[in-house]
């Protein structure tokens, strides 16, 4: 026994026509939403974490849009950021009223400083400024062999913690843009 279906060719052709008519509006909406999501993520990470420069956060994001599959993705750099990106030097008054280095104040989370009293910076092999720390009375810091540089969160790990909070505004923006382009 065989089932013969007639009329489905017309339905298939109509669905293909509808998809072809809506694909440009969907692609534009996805493009706008991806750019909006990229900027929103950079703004929120800069506001929450203590990065000194917003451009550092923005340059480590990338957006990829595939119009054939109507998808977009936002990704960030996974390499940890050196702690000097979050630090500012601290000074104390020494003998004869001279300013003396007293370590660094580190703000990994904005408005929550932590004082590293024995911290100091050196220029690394690639020209990067690296931060090391020592305890009071510890003179082994004169040789940096075996010591690890101090690092803060990467842009990608910061983005990972905020991803769930950023999703609803991006979806709302996508719906608003699609509604505008579909008309």
C-alpha atoms as a PDB file:
ATOM      1  CA  UNK A   1       0.000   0.000   0.000  1.00  0.00           C
ATOM      2  CA  UNK A   2       1.409   3.369  -1.005  1.00  0.00           C
ATOM      3  CA  UNK A   3       0.452   6.795   0.196  1.00  0.00           C
ATOM      4  CA  UNK A   4       0.295   9.434  -2.460  1.00  0.00           C
ATOM      5  CA  UNK A   5       0.574  13.009  -1.262  1.00  0.00           C
ATOM      6  CA  UNK A   6      -0.484  15.741  -3.604  1.00  0.00           C
ATOM      7  CA  UNK A   7      -0.397  19.453  -3.006  1.00  0.00           C
ATOM      8  CA  UNK A   8       2.696  19.441  -0.807  1.00  0.00           C
ATOM      9  CA  UNK A   9       4.823  20.843  -3.608  1.00  0.00           C
ATOM     10  CA  UNK A  10       2.811  24.046  -3.475  1.00  0.00           C
ATOM     11  CA  UNK A  11       3.168  24.251   0.323  1.00  0.00           C
ATOM     12  CA  UNK A  12       6.904  23.679   0.080  1.00  0.00           C
ATOM     13  CA  UNK A  13       7.239  26.353  -2.591  1.00  0.00           C
ATOM     14  CA  UNK A  14       5.228  28.821  -0.450  1.00  0.00           C
ATOM     15  CA  UNK A  15       7.374  28.143   2.645  1.00  0.00           C
ATOM     16  CA  UNK A  16      10.540  28.632   0.587  1.00  0.00           C
ATOM     17  CA  UNK A  17       9.182  31.920  -0.770  1.00  0.00           C
ATOM     18  CA  UNK A  18       8.330  33.112   2.774  1.00  0.00           C
ATOM     19  CA  UNK A  19      11.789  32.175   4.038  1.00  0.00           C
ATOM     20  CA  UNK A  20      13.501  33.928   1.127  1.00  0.00           C
ATOM     21  CA  UNK A  21      11.377  37.028   1.752  1.00  0.00           C
ATOM     22  CA  UNK A  22      12.192  37.136   5.502  1.00  0.00           C
ATOM     23  CA  UNK A  23      15.858  36.094   5.363  1.00  0.00           C
ATOM     24  CA  UNK A  24      17.224  39.627   4.676  1.00  0.00           C
ATOM     25  CA  UNK A  25      15.231  41.093   7.592  1.00  0.00           C
ATOM     26  CA  UNK A  26      16.410  38.320   9.909  1.00  0.00           C
ATOM     27  CA  UNK A  27      20.033  38.750   8.764  1.00  0.00           C
ATOM     28  CA  UNK A  28      19.937  42.523   9.388  1.00  0.00           C
ATOM     29  CA  UNK A  29      18.354  42.019  12.806  1.00  0.00           C
ATOM     30  CA  UNK A  30      20.991  39.422  13.767  1.00  0.00           C
ATOM     31  CA  UNK A  31      23.777  41.718  12.557  1.00  0.00           C
ATOM     32  CA  UNK A  32      22.442  44.628  14.648  1.00  0.00           C
ATOM     33  CA  UNK A  33      21.874  42.427  17.693  1.00  0.00           C
ATOM     34  CA  UNK A  34      25.413  41.012  17.510  1.00  0.00           C
ATOM     35  CA  UNK A  35      26.940  44.499  17.365  1.00  0.00           C
ATOM     36  CA  UNK A  36      24.668  45.647  20.190  1.00  0.00           C
ATOM     37  CA  UNK A  37      25.626  42.586  22.265  1.00  0.00           C
ATOM     38  CA  UNK A  38      29.323  43.202  21.677  1.00  0.00           C
ATOM     39  CA  UNK A  39      29.068  46.824  22.847  1.00  0.00           C
ATOM     40  CA  UNK A  40      26.813  45.907  25.787  1.00  0.00           C
ATOM     41  CA  UNK A  41      29.244  43.208  26.938  1.00  0.00           C
ATOM     42  CA  UNK A  42      32.237  45.571  26.729  1.00  0.00           C
ATOM     43  CA  UNK A  43      30.360  48.269  28.672  1.00  0.00           C
ATOM     44  CA  UNK A  44      29.168  45.906  31.400  1.00  0.00           C
ATOM     45  CA  UNK A  45      32.582  44.269  31.860  1.00  0.00           C
ATOM     46  CA  UNK A  46      34.270  47.677  32.061  1.00  0.00           C
ATOM     47  CA  UNK A  47      31.685  48.864  34.622  1.00  0.00           C
ATOM     48  CA  UNK A  48      31.991  45.775  36.845  1.00  0.00           C
ATOM     49  CA  UNK A  49      35.681  44.910  36.595  1.00  0.00           C
ATOM     50  CA  UNK A  50      38.505  47.332  37.283  1.00  0.00           C
ATOM     51  CA  UNK A  51      40.108  47.447  33.842  1.00  0.00           C
ATOM     52  CA  UNK A  52      41.804  50.833  33.459  1.00  0.00           C
ATOM     53  CA  UNK A  53      40.924  51.235  29.805  1.00  0.00           C
ATOM     54  CA  UNK A  54      37.686  50.434  28.018  1.00  0.00           C
ATOM     55  CA  UNK A  55      39.504  50.098  24.700  1.00  0.00           C
ATOM     56  CA  UNK A  56      41.475  47.127  26.117  1.00  0.00           C
ATOM     57  CA  UNK A  57      38.201  45.304  26.764  1.00  0.00           C
ATOM     58  CA  UNK A  58      36.725  46.251  23.382  1.00  0.00           C
ATOM     59  CA  UNK A  59      39.752  45.141  21.366  1.00  0.00           C
ATOM     60  CA  UNK A  60      39.691  41.645  22.872  1.00  0.00           C
ATOM     61  CA  UNK A  61      36.132  40.899  21.713  1.00  0.00           C
ATOM     62  CA  UNK A  62      35.305  39.489  18.298  1.00  0.00           C
ATOM     63  CA  UNK A  63      31.977  39.112  16.528  1.00  0.00           C
ATOM     64  CA  UNK A  64      31.372  36.556  13.791  1.00  0.00           C
ATOM     65  CA  UNK A  65      28.189  36.582  11.742  1.00  0.00           C
ATOM     66  CA  UNK A  66      27.176  33.830   9.323  1.00  0.00           C
ATOM     67  CA  UNK A  67      24.327  35.055   7.075  1.00  0.00           C
ATOM     68  CA  UNK A  68      23.845  31.623   5.474  1.00  0.00           C
ATOM     69  CA  UNK A  69      22.868  29.953   8.739  1.00  0.00           C
ATOM     70  CA  UNK A  70      21.518  33.189  10.272  1.00  0.00           C
ATOM     71  CA  UNK A  71      23.749  32.913  13.348  1.00  0.00           C
ATOM     72  CA  UNK A  72      26.087  35.257  15.167  1.00  0.00           C
ATOM     73  CA  UNK A  73      28.568  34.647  17.950  1.00  0.00           C
ATOM     74  CA  UNK A  74      30.501  36.914  20.294  1.00  0.00           C
ATOM     75  CA  UNK A  75      33.772  35.630  21.712  1.00  0.00           C
ATOM     76  CA  UNK A  76      36.553  37.079  23.828  1.00  0.00           C
ATOM     77  CA  UNK A  77      40.244  36.454  24.452  1.00  0.00           C
ATOM     78  CA  UNK A  78      40.998  33.705  26.968  1.00  0.00           C
ATOM     79  CA  UNK A  79      44.501  34.840  28.002  1.00  0.00           C
ATOM     80  CA  UNK A  80      44.640  36.163  31.563  1.00  0.00           C
ATOM     81  CA  UNK A  81      45.229  39.898  31.961  1.00  0.00           C
ATOM     82  CA  UNK A  82      48.276  40.980  33.896  1.00  0.00           C
ATOM     83  CA  UNK A  83      47.431  42.467  37.285  1.00  0.00           C
ATOM     84  CA  UNK A  84      48.981  45.798  36.284  1.00  0.00           C
ATOM     85  CA  UNK A  85      45.829  46.409  34.199  1.00  0.00           C
ATOM     86  CA  UNK A  86      43.900  46.715  37.496  1.00  0.00           C
ATOM     87  CA  UNK A  87      46.560  48.388  39.678  1.00  0.00           C
ATOM     88  CA  UNK A  88      47.588  51.862  40.706  1.00  0.00           C
ATOM     89  CA  UNK A  89      50.721  52.616  42.752  1.00  0.00           C
ATOM     90  CA  UNK A  90      50.521  53.522  46.452  1.00  0.00           C
ATOM     91  CA  UNK A  91      53.002  55.659  48.307  1.00  0.00           C
ATOM     92  CA  UNK A  92      53.800  56.381  51.926  1.00  0.00           C
ATOM     93  CA  UNK A  93      55.752  59.171  53.586  1.00  0.00           C
ATOM     94  CA  UNK A  94      59.312  58.136  54.280  1.00  0.00           C
ATOM     95  CA  UNK A  95      62.225  59.875  55.937  1.00  0.00           C
ATOM     96  CA  UNK A  96      62.498  63.614  55.377  1.00  0.00           C
ATOM     97  CA  UNK A  97      58.951  63.723  53.957  1.00  0.00           C
ATOM     98  CA  UNK A  98      59.920  61.888  50.775  1.00  0.00           C
ATOM     99  CA  UNK A  99      57.436  59.730  48.917  1.00  0.00           C
ATOM    100  CA  UNK A 100      58.337  56.062  49.095  1.00  0.00           C
ATOM    101  CA  UNK A 101      56.741  53.256  47.093  1.00  0.00           C
ATOM    102  CA  UNK A 102      54.387  51.184  49.247  1.00  0.00           C
ATOM    103  CA  UNK A 103      53.098  48.627  46.767  1.00  0.00           C
ATOM    104  CA  UNK A 104      50.000  48.724  44.624  1.00  0.00           C
ATOM    105  CA  UNK A 105      46.278  49.083  45.143  1.00  0.00           C
ATOM    106  CA  UNK A 106      44.545  46.508  42.932  1.00  0.00           C
ATOM    107  CA  UNK A 107      40.881  46.844  41.869  1.00  0.00           C
ATOM    108  CA  UNK A 108      39.942  43.600  40.120  1.00  0.00           C
ATOM    109  CA  UNK A 109      36.301  44.316  40.991  1.00  0.00           C
ATOM    110  CA  UNK A 110      35.612  48.031  40.627  1.00  0.00           C
ATOM    111  CA  UNK A 111      35.370  49.946  43.938  1.00  0.00           C
ATOM    112  CA  UNK A 112      36.833  47.008  45.909  1.00  0.00           C
ATOM    113  CA  UNK A 113      40.566  47.748  46.228  1.00  0.00           C
ATOM    114  CA  UNK A 114      43.061  45.321  47.721  1.00  0.00           C
ATOM    115  CA  UNK A 115      46.435  46.610  48.858  1.00  0.00           C
ATOM    116  CA  UNK A 116      49.472  44.556  47.841  1.00  0.00           C
ATOM    117  CA  UNK A 117      52.118  46.164  50.036  1.00  0.00           C
ATOM    118  CA  UNK A 118      55.047  44.166  48.690  1.00  0.00           C
ATOM    119  CA  UNK A 119      54.135  44.336  45.020  1.00  0.00           C
ATOM    120  CA  UNK A 120      56.473  45.633  42.332  1.00  0.00           C
ATOM    121  CA  UNK A 121      56.499  45.650  38.544  1.00  0.00           C
ATOM    122  CA  UNK A 122      59.102  44.631  35.982  1.00  0.00           C
ATOM    123  CA  UNK A 123      59.192  44.668  32.210  1.00  0.00           C
ATOM    124  CA  UNK A 124      58.864  41.132  30.853  1.00  0.00           C
ATOM    125  CA  UNK A 125      60.384  39.504  27.787  1.00  0.00           C
ATOM    126  CA  UNK A 126      57.740  40.737  25.351  1.00  0.00           C
ATOM    127  CA  UNK A 127      57.686  44.262  26.723  1.00  0.00           C
ATOM    128  CA  UNK A 128      54.697  43.495  28.961  1.00  0.00           C
ATOM    129  CA  UNK A 129      54.633  45.016  32.406  1.00  0.00           C
ATOM    130  CA  UNK A 130      54.384  42.179  34.946  1.00  0.00           C
ATOM    131  CA  UNK A 131      53.613  42.361  38.660  1.00  0.00           C
ATOM    132  CA  UNK A 132      55.294  40.275  41.363  1.00  0.00           C
ATOM    133  CA  UNK A 133      54.768  40.305  45.115  1.00  0.00           C
ATOM    134  CA  UNK A 134      56.933  39.601  48.126  1.00  0.00           C
ATOM    135  CA  UNK A 135      56.289  39.333  51.845  1.00  0.00           C
ATOM    136  CA  UNK A 136      57.926  41.589  54.429  1.00  0.00           C
ATOM    137  CA  UNK A 137      61.500  40.496  55.164  1.00  0.00           C
ATOM    138  CA  UNK A 138      61.649  38.239  52.103  1.00  0.00           C
ATOM    139  CA  UNK A 139      64.760  39.064  50.068  1.00  0.00           C
ATOM    140  CA  UNK A 140      64.399  36.213  47.577  1.00  0.00           C
ATOM    141  CA  UNK A 141      62.595  38.612  45.259  1.00  0.00           C
ATOM    142  CA  UNK A 142      65.937  39.890  44.027  1.00  0.00           C
ATOM    143  CA  UNK A 143      66.026  36.775  41.881  1.00  0.00           C
ATOM    144  CA  UNK A 144      62.767  36.213  39.999  1.00  0.00           C
ATOM    145  CA  UNK A 145      63.591  32.595  39.130  1.00  0.00           C
ATOM    146  CA  UNK A 146      60.725  30.331  40.123  1.00  0.00           C
ATOM    147  CA  UNK A 147      58.359  33.170  41.024  1.00  0.00           C
ATOM    148  CA  UNK A 148      55.077  33.506  39.180  1.00  0.00           C
ATOM    149  CA  UNK A 149      53.757  36.812  37.895  1.00  0.00           C
ATOM    150  CA  UNK A 150      50.366  37.900  39.258  1.00  0.00           C
ATOM    151  CA  UNK A 151      47.429  37.840  36.846  1.00  0.00           C
ATOM    152  CA  UNK A 152      43.799  38.914  36.975  1.00  0.00           C
ATOM    153  CA  UNK A 153      40.784  37.606  35.060  1.00  0.00           C
ATOM    154  CA  UNK A 154      40.746  37.389  31.293  1.00  0.00           C
ATOM    155  CA  UNK A 155      38.172  39.240  29.223  1.00  0.00           C
ATOM    156  CA  UNK A 156      36.560  35.887  28.348  1.00  0.00           C
ATOM    157  CA  UNK A 157      36.173  34.794  31.974  1.00  0.00           C
ATOM    158  CA  UNK A 158      34.665  38.184  32.820  1.00  0.00           C
ATOM    159  CA  UNK A 159      32.265  37.734  29.912  1.00  0.00           C
ATOM    160  CA  UNK A 160      31.424  34.200  31.097  1.00  0.00           C
ATOM    161  CA  UNK A 161      30.196  35.474  34.460  1.00  0.00           C
ATOM    162  CA  UNK A 162      27.989  38.109  32.828  1.00  0.00           C
ATOM    163  CA  UNK A 163      26.619  36.088  29.910  1.00  0.00           C
ATOM    164  CA  UNK A 164      23.310  35.129  31.573  1.00  0.00           C
ATOM    165  CA  UNK A 165      22.611  38.724  32.603  1.00  0.00           C
ATOM    166  CA  UNK A 166      23.342  40.041  29.089  1.00  0.00           C
ATOM    167  CA  UNK A 167      21.081  37.606  27.247  1.00  0.00           C
ATOM    168  CA  UNK A 168      17.646  39.241  27.908  1.00  0.00           C
ATOM    169  CA  UNK A 169      18.600  42.745  26.645  1.00  0.00           C
ATOM    170  CA  UNK A 170      20.169  41.259  23.514  1.00  0.00           C
ATOM    171  CA  UNK A 171      17.040  39.187  22.779  1.00  0.00           C
ATOM    172  CA  UNK A 172      14.830  42.254  23.316  1.00  0.00           C
ATOM    173  CA  UNK A 173      17.027  44.258  20.933  1.00  0.00           C
ATOM    174  CA  UNK A 174      16.877  41.444  18.343  1.00  0.00           C
ATOM    175  CA  UNK A 175      13.071  41.329  18.509  1.00  0.00           C
ATOM    176  CA  UNK A 176      12.792  45.107  18.230  1.00  0.00           C
ATOM    177  CA  UNK A 177      15.099  45.247  15.200  1.00  0.00           C
ATOM    178  CA  UNK A 178      13.402  42.306  13.504  1.00  0.00           C
ATOM    179  CA  UNK A 179      10.007  43.953  14.000  1.00  0.00           C
ATOM    180  CA  UNK A 180      11.339  47.121  12.372  1.00  0.00           C
ATOM    181  CA  UNK A 181      12.993  45.335   9.411  1.00  0.00           C
ATOM    182  CA  UNK A 182      10.154  42.869   8.757  1.00  0.00           C
ATOM    183  CA  UNK A 183       7.658  45.639   7.924  1.00  0.00           C
END
